[in-house]
């Protein structure tokens, strides 16, 4: 199991922190690529 924590801007332009658990390393990599392309993305905080 892999976990990704990231920050993004919400509709009020405030930074919110989110986390998601994924089953495989490949799924985590694809998920990170996907969220990095979003307009409201801010930063990746951690992976484990």
PDB file of N, CA and C in Angstrom:
ATOM      1  N   UNK A   1       0.838  -1.183   0.000  1.00  0.00           N
ATOM      2  CA  UNK A   1       0.000   0.000   0.000  1.00  0.00           C
ATOM      3  C   UNK A   1       0.884   1.248   0.000  1.00  0.00           C
ATOM      4  N   UNK A   2       0.525   2.177  -0.833  1.00  0.00           N
ATOM      5  CA  UNK A   2       1.230   3.462  -0.926  1.00  0.00           C
ATOM      6  C   UNK A   2       0.273   4.575  -0.536  1.00  0.00           C
ATOM      7  N   UNK A   3       0.812   5.635   0.022  1.00  0.00           N
ATOM      8  CA  UNK A   3      -0.005   6.775   0.414  1.00  0.00           C
ATOM      9  C   UNK A   3       0.633   8.047  -0.141  1.00  0.00           C
ATOM     10  N   UNK A   4      -0.209   8.942  -0.636  1.00  0.00           N
ATOM     11  CA  UNK A   4       0.243  10.210  -1.194  1.00  0.00           C
ATOM     12  C   UNK A   4      -0.467  11.333  -0.441  1.00  0.00           C
ATOM     13  N   UNK A   5       0.292  12.334  -0.007  1.00  0.00           N
ATOM     14  CA  UNK A   5      -0.276  13.526   0.625  1.00  0.00           C
ATOM     15  C   UNK A   5       0.119  14.722  -0.232  1.00  0.00           C
ATOM     16  N   UNK A   6      -0.859  15.582  -0.548  1.00  0.00           N
ATOM     17  CA  UNK A   6      -0.597  16.733  -1.398  1.00  0.00           C
ATOM     18  C   UNK A   6      -1.456  17.903  -0.951  1.00  0.00           C
ATOM     19  N   UNK A   7      -1.120  19.081  -1.475  1.00  0.00           N
ATOM     20  CA  UNK A   7      -1.890  20.280  -1.191  1.00  0.00           C
ATOM     21  C   UNK A   7      -2.385  20.860  -2.508  1.00  0.00           C
ATOM     22  N   UNK A   8      -3.593  21.418  -2.443  1.00  0.00           N
ATOM     23  CA  UNK A   8      -4.161  22.087  -3.611  1.00  0.00           C
ATOM     24  C   UNK A   8      -5.031  23.241  -3.130  1.00  0.00           C
ATOM     25  N   UNK A   9      -5.357  24.129  -4.054  1.00  0.00           N
ATOM     26  CA  UNK A   9      -6.215  25.268  -3.737  1.00  0.00           C
ATOM     27  C   UNK A   9      -7.674  24.849  -3.889  1.00  0.00           C
ATOM     28  N   UNK A  10      -8.521  25.246  -2.919  1.00  0.00           N
ATOM     29  CA  UNK A  10      -9.943  24.970  -3.062  1.00  0.00           C
ATOM     30  C   UNK A  10     -10.603  26.121  -3.812  1.00  0.00           C
ATOM     31  N   UNK A  11     -11.924  26.106  -3.905  1.00  0.00           N
ATOM     32  CA  UNK A  11     -12.639  27.135  -4.672  1.00  0.00           C
ATOM     33  C   UNK A  11     -12.512  28.523  -4.063  1.00  0.00           C
ATOM     34  N   UNK A  12     -12.195  28.598  -2.774  1.00  0.00           N
ATOM     35  CA  UNK A  12     -11.999  29.885  -2.101  1.00  0.00           C
ATOM     36  C   UNK A  12     -10.539  30.322  -2.134  1.00  0.00           C
ATOM     37  N   UNK A  13      -9.710  29.655  -2.936  1.00  0.00           N
ATOM     38  CA  UNK A  13      -8.276  29.931  -3.056  1.00  0.00           C
ATOM     39  C   UNK A  13      -7.515  29.740  -1.748  1.00  0.00           C
ATOM     40  N   UNK A  14      -7.979  28.812  -0.921  1.00  0.00           N
ATOM     41  CA  UNK A  14      -7.261  28.429   0.291  1.00  0.00           C
ATOM     42  C   UNK A  14      -6.575  27.100   0.040  1.00  0.00           C
ATOM     43  N   UNK A  15      -5.429  26.912   0.654  1.00  0.00           N
ATOM     44  CA  UNK A  15      -4.692  25.660   0.478  1.00  0.00           C
ATOM     45  C   UNK A  15      -5.290  24.609   1.403  1.00  0.00           C
ATOM     46  N   UNK A  16      -5.631  23.458   0.818  1.00  0.00           N
ATOM     47  CA  UNK A  16      -6.144  22.325   1.590  1.00  0.00           C
ATOM     48  C   UNK A  16      -5.215  21.138   1.391  1.00  0.00           C
ATOM     49  N   UNK A  17      -5.097  20.311   2.421  1.00  0.00           N
ATOM     50  CA  UNK A  17      -4.241  19.129   2.369  1.00  0.00           C
ATOM     51  C   UNK A  17      -5.125  17.898   2.185  1.00  0.00           C
ATOM     52  N   UNK A  18      -4.713  17.029   1.269  1.00  0.00           N
ATOM     53  CA  UNK A  18      -5.464  15.810   0.985  1.00  0.00           C
ATOM     54  C   UNK A  18      -4.531  14.614   1.015  1.00  0.00           C
ATOM     55  N   UNK A  19      -5.112  13.423   1.258  1.00  0.00           N
ATOM     56  CA  UNK A  19      -4.341  12.174   1.263  1.00  0.00           C
ATOM     57  C   UNK A  19      -5.117  11.112   0.516  1.00  0.00           C
ATOM     58  N   UNK A  20      -4.382  10.204  -0.102  1.00  0.00           N
ATOM     59  CA  UNK A  20      -5.016   9.086  -0.791  1.00  0.00           C
ATOM     60  C   UNK A  20      -4.120   7.865  -0.655  1.00  0.00           C
ATOM     61  N   UNK A  21      -4.738   6.714  -0.421  1.00  0.00           N
ATOM     62  CA  UNK A  21      -4.029   5.447  -0.330  1.00  0.00           C
ATOM     63  C   UNK A  21      -4.250   4.673  -1.618  1.00  0.00           C
ATOM     64  N   UNK A  22      -3.167   4.121  -2.171  1.00  0.00           N
ATOM     65  CA  UNK A  22      -3.226   3.357  -3.412  1.00  0.00           C
ATOM     66  C   UNK A  22      -2.589   1.998  -3.188  1.00  0.00           C
ATOM     67  N   UNK A  23      -2.988   1.017  -4.010  1.00  0.00           N
ATOM     68  CA  UNK A  23      -2.535  -0.361  -3.788  1.00  0.00           C
ATOM     69  C   UNK A  23      -1.138  -0.649  -4.312  1.00  0.00           C
ATOM     70  N   UNK A  24      -0.726  -0.011  -5.436  1.00  0.00           N
ATOM     71  CA  UNK A  24       0.565  -0.342  -6.044  1.00  0.00           C
ATOM     72  C   UNK A  24       1.397   0.902  -6.283  1.00  0.00           C
ATOM     73  N   UNK A  25       2.692   0.692  -6.514  1.00  0.00           N
ATOM     74  CA  UNK A  25       3.589   1.800  -6.853  1.00  0.00           C
ATOM     75  C   UNK A  25       3.197   2.431  -8.182  1.00  0.00           C
ATOM     76  N   UNK A  26       2.804   1.597  -9.155  1.00  0.00           N
ATOM     77  CA  UNK A  26       2.415   2.116 -10.468  1.00  0.00           C
ATOM     78  C   UNK A  26       1.182   3.009 -10.359  1.00  0.00           C
ATOM     79  N   UNK A  27       0.223   2.588  -9.549  1.00  0.00           N
ATOM     80  CA  UNK A  27      -0.990   3.385  -9.362  1.00  0.00           C
ATOM     81  C   UNK A  27      -0.651   4.718  -8.700  1.00  0.00           C
ATOM     82  N   UNK A  28       0.270   4.703  -7.753  1.00  0.00           N
ATOM     83  CA  UNK A  28       0.677   5.938  -7.076  1.00  0.00           C
ATOM     84  C   UNK A  28       1.362   6.888  -8.053  1.00  0.00           C
ATOM     85  N   UNK A  29       2.230   6.364  -8.904  1.00  0.00           N
ATOM     86  CA  UNK A  29       2.918   7.203  -9.887  1.00  0.00           C
ATOM     87  C   UNK A  29       1.933   7.832 -10.861  1.00  0.00           C
ATOM     88  N   UNK A  30       0.987   7.051 -11.351  1.00  0.00           N
ATOM     89  CA  UNK A  30      -0.025   7.586 -12.277  1.00  0.00           C
ATOM     90  C   UNK A  30      -0.884   8.637 -11.590  1.00  0.00           C
ATOM     91  N   UNK A  31      -1.233   8.401 -10.334  1.00  0.00           N
ATOM     92  CA  UNK A  31      -2.053   9.351  -9.591  1.00  0.00           C
ATOM     93  C   UNK A  31      -1.312  10.670  -9.397  1.00  0.00           C
ATOM     94  N   UNK A  32      -0.032  10.591  -9.056  1.00  0.00           N
ATOM     95  CA  UNK A  32       0.765  11.805  -8.869  1.00  0.00           C
ATOM     96  C   UNK A  32       0.849  12.598 -10.167  1.00  0.00           C
ATOM     97  N   UNK A  33       1.077  11.922 -11.289  1.00  0.00           N
ATOM     98  CA  UNK A  33       1.109  12.612 -12.580  1.00  0.00           C
ATOM     99  C   UNK A  33      -0.225  13.304 -12.859  1.00  0.00           C
ATOM    100  N   UNK A  34      -1.306  12.628 -12.535  1.00  0.00           N
ATOM    101  CA  UNK A  34      -2.643  13.161 -12.793  1.00  0.00           C
ATOM    102  C   UNK A  34      -2.914  14.419 -11.966  1.00  0.00           C
ATOM    103  N   UNK A  35      -2.602  14.389 -10.666  1.00  0.00           N
ATOM    104  CA  UNK A  35      -2.904  15.560  -9.837  1.00  0.00           C
ATOM    105  C   UNK A  35      -1.961  16.724 -10.128  1.00  0.00           C
ATOM    106  N   UNK A  36      -0.746  16.435 -10.596  1.00  0.00           N
ATOM    107  CA  UNK A  36       0.194  17.506 -10.917  1.00  0.00           C
ATOM    108  C   UNK A  36      -0.272  18.324 -12.115  1.00  0.00           C
ATOM    109  N   UNK A  37      -1.096  17.757 -12.952  1.00  0.00           N
ATOM    110  CA  UNK A  37      -1.599  18.449 -14.137  1.00  0.00           C
ATOM    111  C   UNK A  37      -2.804  19.332 -13.840  1.00  0.00           C
ATOM    112  N   UNK A  38      -3.386  19.197 -12.658  1.00  0.00           N
ATOM    113  CA  UNK A  38      -4.571  19.986 -12.307  1.00  0.00           C
ATOM    114  C   UNK A  38      -4.189  21.460 -12.124  1.00  0.00           C
ATOM    115  N   UNK A  39      -5.125  22.342 -12.459  1.00  0.00           N
ATOM    116  CA  UNK A  39      -4.890  23.781 -12.328  1.00  0.00           C
ATOM    117  C   UNK A  39      -4.775  24.229 -10.874  1.00  0.00           C
ATOM    118  N   UNK A  40      -5.436  23.538  -9.961  1.00  0.00           N
ATOM    119  CA  UNK A  40      -5.435  23.965  -8.563  1.00  0.00           C
ATOM    120  C   UNK A  40      -4.374  23.247  -7.721  1.00  0.00           C
ATOM    121  N   UNK A  41      -3.487  22.487  -8.346  1.00  0.00           N
ATOM    122  CA  UNK A  41      -2.433  21.763  -7.634  1.00  0.00           C
ATOM    123  C   UNK A  41      -1.408  22.734  -7.056  1.00  0.00           C
ATOM    124  N   UNK A  42      -0.920  22.427  -5.818  1.00  0.00           N
ATOM    125  CA  UNK A  42       0.106  23.259  -5.187  1.00  0.00           C
ATOM    126  C   UNK A  42       1.407  22.484  -5.002  1.00  0.00           C
ATOM    127  N   UNK A  43       1.407  21.393  -4.220  1.00  0.00           N
ATOM    128  CA  UNK A  43       2.635  20.648  -3.979  1.00  0.00           C
ATOM    129  C   UNK A  43       2.340  19.240  -3.451  1.00  0.00           C
ATOM    130  N   UNK A  44       3.311  18.347  -3.653  1.00  0.00           N
ATOM    131  CA  UNK A  44       3.283  17.019  -3.039  1.00  0.00           C
ATOM    132  C   UNK A  44       3.982  17.149  -1.688  1.00  0.00           C
ATOM    133  N   UNK A  45       3.321  16.730  -0.630  1.00  0.00           N
ATOM    134  CA  UNK A  45       3.924  16.819   0.698  1.00  0.00           C
ATOM    135  C   UNK A  45       4.744  15.577   1.030  1.00  0.00           C
ATOM    136  N   UNK A  46       4.184  14.377   0.754  1.00  0.00           N
ATOM    137  CA  UNK A  46       4.890  13.155   1.132  1.00  0.00           C
ATOM    138  C   UNK A  46       4.305  11.951   0.412  1.00  0.00           C
ATOM    139  N   UNK A  47       5.138  10.922   0.303  1.00  0.00           N
ATOM    140  CA  UNK A  47       4.685   9.626  -0.165  1.00  0.00           C
ATOM    141  C   UNK A  47       5.287   8.585   0.768  1.00  0.00           C
ATOM    142  N   UNK A  48       4.601   7.479   0.909  1.00  0.00           N
ATOM    143  CA  UNK A  48       5.162   6.375   1.702  1.00  0.00           C
ATOM    144  C   UNK A  48       4.556   5.080   1.246  1.00  0.00           C
TER     145      UNK A  48
END
